[in-house]
Protein backbone atom coordinates (compact mmCIF):
# COMPACT_ATOMS: atom_id res chain seq x y z
CA MET A 1 7.85 99.71 -95.73
CA ASN A 2 11.46 98.56 -95.83
CA LYS A 3 13.75 100.79 -93.74
CA LYS A 4 17.37 100.39 -94.77
CA LEU A 5 20.35 102.45 -93.77
CA VAL A 6 21.75 104.45 -96.68
CA ASN A 7 25.33 103.35 -97.37
CA ALA A 8 24.99 100.45 -94.94
CA LYS A 9 28.38 99.06 -95.93
CA LYS A 10 30.07 102.38 -95.21
CA TYR A 11 28.17 103.14 -91.97
CA PRO A 12 27.31 100.02 -89.96
CA PRO A 13 24.53 100.33 -87.32
CA ALA A 14 25.66 101.54 -83.89
CA CYS A 15 23.88 102.65 -80.73
CA ALA A 16 25.64 106.02 -80.87
CA TYR A 17 23.25 107.17 -83.63
CA CYS A 18 20.12 105.15 -82.85
CA LEU A 19 16.75 106.81 -82.31
CA HIS A 20 16.23 104.97 -78.99
CA GLY A 21 19.59 105.87 -77.42
CA ARG A 22 20.98 109.00 -75.80
CA LEU A 23 24.68 109.60 -75.22
CA SER A 24 25.55 109.70 -71.51
CA PRO A 25 26.93 112.95 -70.04
CA GLY A 26 30.45 111.51 -69.95
CA GLY A 27 30.18 110.26 -73.53
CA ILE A 28 31.42 106.80 -72.55
CA SER A 29 28.15 104.91 -72.91
CA VAL A 30 24.67 105.18 -74.46
CA LEU A 31 21.48 105.23 -72.41
CA CYS A 32 19.05 103.09 -74.41
CA VAL A 33 15.30 103.05 -73.80
CA ARG A 34 15.12 99.38 -74.84
CA LYS A 35 18.36 97.80 -73.56
CA GLY A 36 19.57 100.10 -70.76
CA ILE A 37 23.22 101.15 -70.62
CA VAL A 38 25.16 99.94 -73.67
CA SER A 39 28.39 100.79 -75.50
CA PRO A 40 28.26 103.32 -78.37
CA GLU A 41 29.51 100.68 -80.84
CA GLY A 42 26.83 98.17 -79.84
CA LYS A 43 23.70 97.36 -81.83
CA CYS A 44 20.44 95.44 -81.47
CA ARG A 45 17.47 94.38 -83.59
CA LYS A 46 15.51 97.49 -82.57
CA PHE A 47 18.02 99.83 -84.27
CA VAL A 48 16.39 102.83 -85.95
CA TYR A 49 18.73 105.24 -87.73
CA ASP A 50 18.58 108.89 -86.61
CA PRO A 51 20.50 111.05 -89.15
CA LEU A 52 20.64 114.04 -86.79
CA LYS A 53 22.91 112.17 -84.37
CA ARG A 54 25.65 111.47 -86.88
CA GLU A 55 28.55 113.94 -86.83
CA PRO A 56 29.80 114.65 -90.37
CA LYS A 57 33.44 114.11 -91.21
CA VAL A 58 35.59 117.22 -91.51
CA PRO A 59 36.37 117.93 -95.19
CA PRO A 60 40.05 118.17 -96.15
CA ALA A 61 41.56 121.64 -96.25
CA LYS A 62 41.75 123.29 -99.67
CA PRO A 63 45.10 124.68 -100.78
CA GLU A 64 45.56 128.46 -100.80
CA ALA A 65 45.60 130.22 -104.18
CA ASP A 66 48.74 132.21 -105.07
CA ALA A 67 49.13 135.07 -107.52
CA LYS A 68 51.26 132.75 -109.69
CA ASP A 69 48.19 130.58 -110.33
CA PHE A 70 46.48 133.45 -112.19
CA GLU A 71 49.38 134.61 -114.38
CA PHE A 72 49.58 133.81 -118.09
């Protein structure tokens, strides 16, 4: 079975959201089962995407509705 990252061009592989890595307590590095201590931006051939590790982007704020918007 072919495992490809959805939107690979938008989200390149990184150790910060790999199945084999855990973020260190300081958040500076990733503790990888396969490679040891690596940077969060690093990657290797054993990369397996874990969607639960990705933090979603904050959506832009919606403008407030005024009473003038609902007048005829």
